[in-house]
Amino acid sequence: MELRGKQKRFLRSQAHHLQPIFQIGKNGINDAVIIQIAEALEKRELIKINLLQNTDEIAEDVARILEEKTNCQVVQIIGRVLVLYKASSKEKYQRISKEVCSI
């Protein structure tokens, strides 16, 4: 499902108060990090990722890789911070996705 403008705006407002739960550093993005991000998206649906100063990764490239590997959607990229969204497949974790579908 492709997010519409109002849905992205809602997700950005929800993500505003979140702290980044993943930091990508000098080791870059690897399979272990991708697996952990996918698991976090399953439980939280909306997460922030921070790219540290010592990484060679570019935010847009990381966003594209994560979209392909985890099947998530990038809501926003501000500088070195990414906001990712993926609706949970388990109903008990579908707190945000129910609101997104109603918009």
Protein backbone atom coordinates (compact mmCIF):
# COMPACT_ATOMS: atom_id res chain seq x y z
CA MET A 1 0.00 0.00 0.00
CA GLU A 2 1.41 3.36 -1.03
CA LEU A 3 0.96 6.07 1.57
CA ARG A 4 -1.03 9.17 0.66
CA GLY A 5 -0.05 12.69 1.72
CA LYS A 6 -2.39 12.85 4.71
CA GLN A 7 -1.18 9.46 5.92
CA LYS A 8 2.46 10.52 5.70
CA ARG A 9 1.67 13.75 7.54
CA PHE A 10 -0.02 11.76 10.32
CA LEU A 11 2.96 9.38 10.57
CA ARG A 12 5.40 12.30 10.69
CA SER A 13 3.42 13.80 13.57
CA GLN A 14 3.49 10.46 15.41
CA ALA A 15 7.24 10.06 14.82
CA HIS A 16 8.11 13.57 15.99
CA HIS A 17 8.42 12.53 19.64
CA LEU A 18 10.19 9.22 18.97
CA GLN A 19 13.87 8.73 19.69
CA PRO A 20 16.00 6.86 17.10
CA ILE A 21 16.24 3.22 18.19
CA PHE A 22 18.91 2.23 15.66
CA GLN A 23 22.19 3.89 14.84
CA ILE A 24 24.13 3.02 11.71
CA GLY A 25 27.82 3.66 12.19
CA LYS A 26 31.13 2.89 10.52
CA ASN A 27 30.19 -0.77 9.87
CA GLY A 28 27.36 0.44 7.65
CA ILE A 29 24.20 -1.50 7.02
CA ASN A 30 24.48 -5.29 7.08
CA ASP A 31 22.16 -8.30 7.25
CA ALA A 32 22.07 -8.40 11.07
CA VAL A 33 20.98 -4.76 11.26
CA ILE A 34 18.34 -5.33 8.57
CA ILE A 35 16.90 -8.30 10.50
CA GLN A 36 16.74 -6.27 13.72
CA ILE A 37 15.06 -3.36 11.93
CA ALA A 38 12.48 -5.72 10.40
CA GLU A 39 11.70 -7.18 13.85
CA ALA A 40 11.37 -3.71 15.38
CA LEU A 41 9.05 -2.62 12.58
CA GLU A 42 6.86 -5.67 13.21
CA LYS A 43 6.37 -4.67 16.84
CA ARG A 44 6.41 -0.87 16.67
CA GLU A 45 5.27 -0.13 13.09
CA LEU A 46 6.98 3.29 13.19
CA ILE A 47 10.67 3.77 14.00
CA LYS A 48 13.49 6.26 13.60
CA ILE A 49 17.00 5.39 12.48
CA ASN A 50 20.01 7.66 12.94
CA LEU A 51 23.09 7.62 10.70
CA LEU A 52 26.16 8.52 12.74
CA GLN A 53 28.79 11.00 11.57
CA ASN A 54 31.43 8.28 11.08
CA THR A 55 29.42 6.28 8.53
CA ASP A 56 30.06 6.37 4.81
CA GLU A 57 26.40 5.58 4.07
CA ILE A 58 24.10 8.15 2.48
CA ALA A 59 20.61 8.48 3.96
CA GLU A 60 18.81 8.06 0.62
CA ASP A 61 20.79 4.89 -0.18
CA VAL A 62 20.06 3.39 3.25
CA ALA A 63 16.37 4.25 2.80
CA ARG A 64 16.26 2.52 -0.59
CA ILE A 65 18.02 -0.60 0.74
CA LEU A 66 15.69 -0.84 3.74
CA GLU A 67 12.61 -0.38 1.56
CA GLU A 68 13.72 -3.28 -0.64
CA LYS A 69 14.86 -5.67 2.10
CA THR A 70 12.20 -5.06 4.79
CA ASN A 71 9.29 -4.04 2.53
CA CYS A 72 8.74 -0.89 4.61
CA GLN A 73 8.02 2.66 3.54
CA VAL A 74 10.17 5.68 4.22
CA VAL A 75 7.97 8.39 5.68
CA GLN A 76 10.62 11.08 6.02
CA ILE A 77 14.34 11.76 5.70
CA ILE A 78 15.70 14.74 7.60
CA GLY A 79 19.47 15.05 7.37
CA ARG A 80 20.78 11.81 8.84
CA VAL A 81 17.53 10.62 10.43
CA LEU A 82 15.11 8.24 8.68
CA VAL A 83 11.52 7.56 9.70
CA LEU A 84 10.26 4.13 8.59
CA TYR A 85 6.74 2.68 8.66
CA LYS A 86 5.46 -0.82 8.06
CA ALA A 87 2.06 -2.13 9.10
CA SER A 88 2.38 -5.06 11.50
CA SER A 89 1.08 -8.46 10.44
CA LYS A 90 0.05 -9.26 14.04
CA GLU A 91 -3.19 -7.68 15.18
CA LYS A 92 -2.01 -6.98 18.72
CA TYR A 93 0.70 -4.63 17.38
CA GLN A 94 -1.54 -2.81 14.87
CA ARG A 95 -1.97 0.37 16.87
CA ILE A 96 -0.75 2.91 14.32
CA SER A 97 -1.78 1.08 11.14
CA LYS A 98 -5.46 1.09 12.13
CA GLU A 99 -5.36 4.88 12.40
CA VAL A 100 -3.44 5.17 9.11
CA CYS A 101 -6.05 3.09 7.27
CA SER A 102 -8.86 5.26 8.62
CA ILE A 103 -7.27 8.42 7.16
